[in-house]
C-alpha atoms as a PDB file:
ATOM      1  CA  MET A   1     -29.689 -22.040   5.816  1.00  0.00           C
ATOM      2  CA  ASN A   2     -28.120 -22.495   2.383  1.00  0.00           C
ATOM      3  CA  MET A   3     -26.616 -19.184   1.189  1.00  0.00           C
ATOM      4  CA  ARG A   4     -25.778 -20.502  -2.286  1.00  0.00           C
ATOM      5  CA  SER A   5     -27.465 -18.723  -5.129  1.00  0.00           C
ATOM      6  CA  PRO A   6     -29.361 -21.149  -7.371  1.00  0.00           C
ATOM      7  CA  SER A   7     -28.541 -19.045 -10.445  1.00  0.00           C
ATOM      8  CA  ILE A   8     -24.743 -19.300 -10.094  1.00  0.00           C
ATOM      9  CA  SER A   9     -23.043 -22.473 -11.278  1.00  0.00           C
ATOM     10  CA  ASP A  10     -20.156 -24.046  -9.377  1.00  0.00           C
ATOM     11  CA  ALA A  11     -17.803 -22.876 -12.153  1.00  0.00           C
ATOM     12  CA  ASP A  12     -19.089 -19.309 -11.811  1.00  0.00           C
ATOM     13  CA  ARG A  13     -18.693 -19.460  -8.021  1.00  0.00           C
ATOM     14  CA  GLY A  14     -15.108 -20.568  -8.574  1.00  0.00           C
ATOM     15  CA  PHE A  15     -14.449 -17.694 -10.935  1.00  0.00           C
ATOM     16  CA  ALA A  16     -16.206 -15.206  -8.642  1.00  0.00           C
ATOM     17  CA  GLY A  17     -14.115 -16.417  -5.720  1.00  0.00           C
ATOM     18  CA  GLU A  18     -10.909 -15.952  -7.709  1.00  0.00           C
ATOM     19  CA  TYR A  19     -12.116 -12.506  -8.797  1.00  0.00           C
ATOM     20  CA  LEU A  20     -12.709 -11.511  -5.164  1.00  0.00           C
ATOM     21  CA  ASP A  21      -9.237 -12.829  -4.278  1.00  0.00           C
ATOM     22  CA  SER A  22      -7.784 -10.677  -7.082  1.00  0.00           C
ATOM     23  CA  LEU A  23      -9.610  -7.577  -5.824  1.00  0.00           C
ATOM     24  CA  SER A  24      -8.332  -8.177  -2.321  1.00  0.00           C
ATOM     25  CA  LEU A  25      -4.804  -8.679  -3.622  1.00  0.00           C
ATOM     26  CA  VAL A  26      -4.868  -5.437  -5.628  1.00  0.00           C
ATOM     27  CA  GLU A  27      -5.972  -3.543  -2.499  1.00  0.00           C
ATOM     28  CA  ARG A  28      -3.283  -5.189  -0.358  1.00  0.00           C
ATOM     29  CA  LEU A  29      -0.597  -4.528  -2.960  1.00  0.00           C
ATOM     30  CA  HIS A  30      -1.496  -0.838  -3.098  1.00  0.00           C
ATOM     31  CA  ARG A  31      -1.355  -0.523   0.702  1.00  0.00           C
ATOM     32  CA  LEU A  32       1.922  -2.459   0.729  1.00  0.00           C
ATOM     33  CA  LEU A  33       3.368  -0.151  -1.939  1.00  0.00           C
ATOM     34  CA  LEU A  34       2.552   2.814   0.301  1.00  0.00           C
ATOM     35  CA  ASP A  35       4.270   1.025   3.212  1.00  0.00           C
ATOM     36  CA  VAL A  36       7.330   0.329   1.042  1.00  0.00           C
ATOM     37  CA  LEU A  37       7.541   4.025   0.132  1.00  0.00           C
ATOM     38  CA  LYS A  38       7.095   5.054   3.768  1.00  0.00           C
ATOM     39  CA  ASP A  39       9.847   2.665   4.835  1.00  0.00           C
ATOM     40  CA  GLU A  40      12.207   3.935   2.118  1.00  0.00           C
ATOM     41  CA  PHE A  41      11.631   7.562   3.082  1.00  0.00           C
ATOM     42  CA  GLU A  42      12.175   6.782   6.767  1.00  0.00           C
ATOM     43  CA  ARG A  43      15.422   5.044   5.813  1.00  0.00           C
ATOM     44  CA  VAL A  44      16.697   8.110   3.916  1.00  0.00           C
ATOM     45  CA  GLY A  45      15.324  10.601   6.453  1.00  0.00           C
ATOM     46  CA  LEU A  46      12.600  12.164   4.300  1.00  0.00           C
ATOM     47  CA  LEU A  47       9.751  12.403   6.786  1.00  0.00           C
ATOM     48  CA  GLU A  48       8.034  15.566   5.554  1.00  0.00           C
ATOM     49  CA  ILE A  49       5.835  13.957   2.901  1.00  0.00           C
ATOM     50  CA  ASN A  50       3.595  10.918   2.927  1.00  0.00           C
ATOM     51  CA  PRO A  51       3.680   8.009   0.448  1.00  0.00           C
ATOM     52  CA  VAL A  52       0.642   9.246  -1.496  1.00  0.00           C
ATOM     53  CA  GLN A  53       2.372  12.593  -1.998  1.00  0.00           C
ATOM     54  CA  ALA A  54       5.565  10.807  -3.070  1.00  0.00           C
ATOM     55  CA  LEU A  55       3.617   8.853  -5.704  1.00  0.00           C
ATOM     56  CA  LEU A  56       2.002  12.069  -6.874  1.00  0.00           C
ATOM     57  CA  LEU A  57       5.437  13.661  -7.335  1.00  0.00           C
ATOM     58  CA  PHE A  58       6.624  10.546  -9.155  1.00  0.00           C
ATOM     59  CA  ASN A  59       3.617  10.555 -11.504  1.00  0.00           C
ATOM     60  CA  VAL A  60       3.888  14.264 -12.301  1.00  0.00           C
ATOM     61  CA  GLY A  61       7.572  13.913 -13.153  1.00  0.00           C
ATOM     62  CA  SER A  62       8.776  16.471 -15.687  1.00  0.00           C
ATOM     63  CA  LYS A  63       5.259  17.335 -16.869  1.00  0.00           C
ATOM     64  CA  GLU A  64       3.176  20.387 -16.062  1.00  0.00           C
ATOM     65  CA  VAL A  65      -0.357  19.222 -15.232  1.00  0.00           C
ATOM     66  CA  THR A  66      -3.615  20.248 -13.611  1.00  0.00           C
ATOM     67  CA  ALA A  67      -5.324  18.429 -10.762  1.00  0.00           C
ATOM     68  CA  GLY A  68      -8.053  17.496 -13.233  1.00  0.00           C
ATOM     69  CA  GLU A  69      -5.537  15.809 -15.518  1.00  0.00           C
ATOM     70  CA  LEU A  70      -4.222  13.720 -12.624  1.00  0.00           C
ATOM     71  CA  LYS A  71      -7.799  12.724 -11.740  1.00  0.00           C
ATOM     72  CA  THR A  72      -8.685  11.809 -15.329  1.00  0.00           C
ATOM     73  CA  ARG A  73      -5.588   9.659 -15.628  1.00  0.00           C
ATOM     74  CA  GLY A  74      -7.038   7.689 -12.740  1.00  0.00           C
ATOM     75  CA  TYR A  75      -4.220   8.276 -10.288  1.00  0.00           C
ATOM     76  CA  TYR A  76      -6.179  10.075  -7.570  1.00  0.00           C
ATOM     77  CA  GLN A  77      -9.603  10.935  -6.204  1.00  0.00           C
ATOM     78  CA  GLY A  78     -10.730  14.576  -6.416  1.00  0.00           C
ATOM     79  CA  SER A  79     -10.369  15.872  -2.869  1.00  0.00           C
ATOM     80  CA  ASN A  80      -7.312  13.706  -2.297  1.00  0.00           C
ATOM     81  CA  VAL A  81      -5.381  15.188  -5.217  1.00  0.00           C
ATOM     82  CA  SER A  82      -6.410  18.785  -4.425  1.00  0.00           C
ATOM     83  CA  TYR A  83      -5.404  18.471  -0.771  1.00  0.00           C
ATOM     84  CA  ASN A  84      -2.072  16.826  -1.558  1.00  0.00           C
ATOM     85  CA  LEU A  85      -1.197  19.273  -4.342  1.00  0.00           C
ATOM     86  CA  LYS A  86      -1.905  22.179  -1.984  1.00  0.00           C
ATOM     87  CA  LYS A  87       0.315  20.638   0.707  1.00  0.00           C
ATOM     88  CA  LEU A  88       3.118  19.916  -1.764  1.00  0.00           C
ATOM     89  CA  VAL A  89       3.029  23.525  -3.008  1.00  0.00           C
ATOM     90  CA  GLU A  90       3.096  24.812   0.588  1.00  0.00           C
ATOM     91  CA  MET A  91       6.098  22.578   1.416  1.00  0.00           C
ATOM     92  CA  GLY A  92       8.016  23.681  -1.694  1.00  0.00           C
ATOM     93  CA  TYR A  93       7.842  20.453  -3.700  1.00  0.00           C
ATOM     94  CA  MET A  94       5.700  21.918  -6.487  1.00  0.00           C
ATOM     95  CA  HIS A  95       5.253  25.170  -8.381  1.00  0.00           C
ATOM     96  CA  HIS A  96       1.750  26.286  -9.244  1.00  0.00           C
ATOM     97  CA  LYS A  97       0.415  28.907 -11.619  1.00  0.00           C
ATOM     98  CA  LYS A  98      -2.975  29.825 -13.022  1.00  0.00           C
ATOM     99  CA  CYS A  99      -3.733  28.294 -16.379  1.00  0.00           C
ATOM    100  CA  GLU A 100      -3.689  30.923 -19.143  1.00  0.00           C
ATOM    101  CA  ILE A 101      -6.735  29.459 -20.900  1.00  0.00           C
ATOM    102  CA  ASP A 102      -8.923  28.536 -17.923  1.00  0.00           C
ATOM    103  CA  ARG A 103      -8.147  30.950 -15.072  1.00  0.00           C
ATOM    104  CA  ARG A 104      -9.916  28.602 -12.607  1.00  0.00           C
ATOM    105  CA  ALA A 105      -7.460  25.796 -13.295  1.00  0.00           C
ATOM    106  CA  VAL A 106      -4.028  25.674 -11.699  1.00  0.00           C
ATOM    107  CA  ARG A 107      -1.085  24.026 -13.433  1.00  0.00           C
ATOM    108  CA  VAL A 108       1.550  22.382 -11.269  1.00  0.00           C
ATOM    109  CA  SER A 109       5.088  21.206 -11.889  1.00  0.00           C
ATOM    110  CA  LEU A 110       7.898  19.950  -9.704  1.00  0.00           C
ATOM    111  CA  THR A 111      10.390  22.197  -8.008  1.00  0.00           C
ATOM    112  CA  GLU A 112      13.974  21.019  -7.601  1.00  0.00           C
ATOM    113  CA  LYS A 113      12.954  19.623  -4.208  1.00  0.00           C
ATOM    114  CA  GLY A 114      10.068  17.744  -5.862  1.00  0.00           C
ATOM    115  CA  GLU A 115      12.366  16.401  -8.569  1.00  0.00           C
ATOM    116  CA  GLU A 116      14.627  14.946  -5.861  1.00  0.00           C
ATOM    117  CA  VAL A 117      11.675  12.951  -4.489  1.00  0.00           C
ATOM    118  CA  HIS A 118      10.663  11.914  -8.015  1.00  0.00           C
ATOM    119  CA  HIS A 119      14.179  10.580  -8.616  1.00  0.00           C
ATOM    120  CA  ALA A 120      14.289   8.819  -5.230  1.00  0.00           C
ATOM    121  CA  VAL A 121      11.053   6.979  -6.046  1.00  0.00           C
ATOM    122  CA  ALA A 122      12.310   6.191  -9.566  1.00  0.00           C
ATOM    123  CA  ARG A 123      15.516   4.716  -8.104  1.00  0.00           C
ATOM    124  CA  LEU A 124      13.487   2.623  -5.634  1.00  0.00           C
ATOM    125  CA  PHE A 125      11.254   1.273  -8.415  1.00  0.00           C
ATOM    126  CA  ALA A 126      14.293   0.533 -10.613  1.00  0.00           C
ATOM    127  CA  ARG A 127      15.887  -1.363  -7.712  1.00  0.00           C
ATOM    128  CA  HIS A 128      12.671  -3.356  -7.296  1.00  0.00           C
ATOM    129  CA  ALA A 129      12.466  -4.115 -11.021  1.00  0.00           C
ATOM    130  CA  HIS A 130      16.021  -5.461 -11.015  1.00  0.00           C
ATOM    131  CA  GLY A 131      15.386  -7.446  -7.830  1.00  0.00           C
ATOM    132  CA  LEU A 132      12.220  -9.026  -9.222  1.00  0.00           C
ATOM    133  CA  GLN A 133      14.143 -10.153 -12.303  1.00  0.00           C
ATOM    134  CA  ASP A 134      17.372 -11.135 -10.550  1.00  0.00           C
ATOM    135  CA  LYS A 135      15.551 -13.245  -7.955  1.00  0.00           C
ATOM    136  CA  GLU A 136      13.360 -14.696 -10.714  1.00  0.00           C
ATOM    137  CA  VAL A 137      10.169 -13.526  -9.025  1.00  0.00           C
ATOM    138  CA  LEU A 138       8.897 -12.346 -12.414  1.00  0.00           C
ATOM    139  CA  SER A 139      10.117 -12.682 -15.964  1.00  0.00           C
ATOM    140  CA  PHE A 140       9.622 -10.064 -18.656  1.00  0.00           C
ATOM    141  CA  ASP A 141       6.854 -12.190 -20.217  1.00  0.00           C
ATOM    142  CA  GLN A 142       5.097 -12.598 -16.873  1.00  0.00           C
ATOM    143  CA  ILE A 143       5.081  -8.866 -16.067  1.00  0.00           C
ATOM    144  CA  THR A 144       3.893  -8.143 -19.614  1.00  0.00           C
ATOM    145  CA  ASN A 145       1.012 -10.608 -19.160  1.00  0.00           C
ATOM    146  CA  ILE A 146       0.106  -9.147 -15.761  1.00  0.00           C
ATOM    147  CA  ASN A 147      -0.020  -5.654 -17.264  1.00  0.00           C
ATOM    148  CA  ALA A 148      -2.137  -6.780 -20.225  1.00  0.00           C
ATOM    149  CA  THR A 149      -4.556  -8.549 -17.890  1.00  0.00           C
ATOM    150  CA  LEU A 150      -4.870  -5.570 -15.552  1.00  0.00           C
ATOM    151  CA  LYS A 151      -5.476  -3.250 -18.522  1.00  0.00           C
ATOM    152  CA  ARG A 152      -8.344  -5.492 -19.675  1.00  0.00           C
ATOM    153  CA  VAL A 153      -9.886  -5.336 -16.187  1.00  0.00           C
ATOM    154  CA  GLU A 154      -9.412  -1.557 -16.188  1.00  0.00           C
ATOM    155  CA  ARG A 155     -11.214  -1.277 -19.540  1.00  0.00           C
ATOM    156  CA  TYR A 156     -14.054  -3.495 -18.276  1.00  0.00           C
ATOM    157  CA  TRP A 157     -14.508  -1.391 -15.126  1.00  0.00           C
ATOM    158  CA  THR A 158     -14.338   1.846 -17.144  1.00  0.00           C
ATOM    159  CA  ASP A 159     -17.041   0.522 -19.449  1.00  0.00           C
ATOM    160  CA  GLN A 160     -19.174  -0.352 -16.410  1.00  0.00           C
ATOM    161  CA  ILE A 161     -18.968   3.232 -15.195  1.00  0.00           C
ATOM    162  CA  ARG A 162     -19.635   4.759 -18.609  1.00  0.00           C
ATOM    163  CA  TYR A 163     -22.375   2.523 -19.908  1.00  0.00           C
ATOM    164  CA  ILE A 164     -24.232   0.898 -17.037  1.00  0.00           C
ATOM    165  CA  TYR A 165     -24.813   3.666 -14.554  1.00  0.00           C
END
């Protein structure tokens, strides 16, 4: 049985195949990033937090934010961010306080312990950035093009959510 769609040209099938490869690569890269963080934290003896929590601490940085702000920035899913923020507060990596304006919202910021993790992740990423350049894996122009391309895909997907469904 021929599974080829008569409405898709060979060129479109080629593009669609490359698109599916890109999606798969983005997923694999994200999982690999989590593995890299896990490996780094095992190396330095920080076993209390998981890689998702480490990224959360990195992304919060010196800001004071709500869980909703982290979700709207696209970093995390709803239950995932709430669970991890709660755990990070319990373990002493984050402060939390009720928002003065909206008493239902909780604002979080890093404790000194959380800042240490933020800095450890920042150092790891800086080491990677230098390694990628030094080993000529990526040039400045290439990383700039990758970022511009990914931002266009992000805008396209955001438009699909806003305007099609």
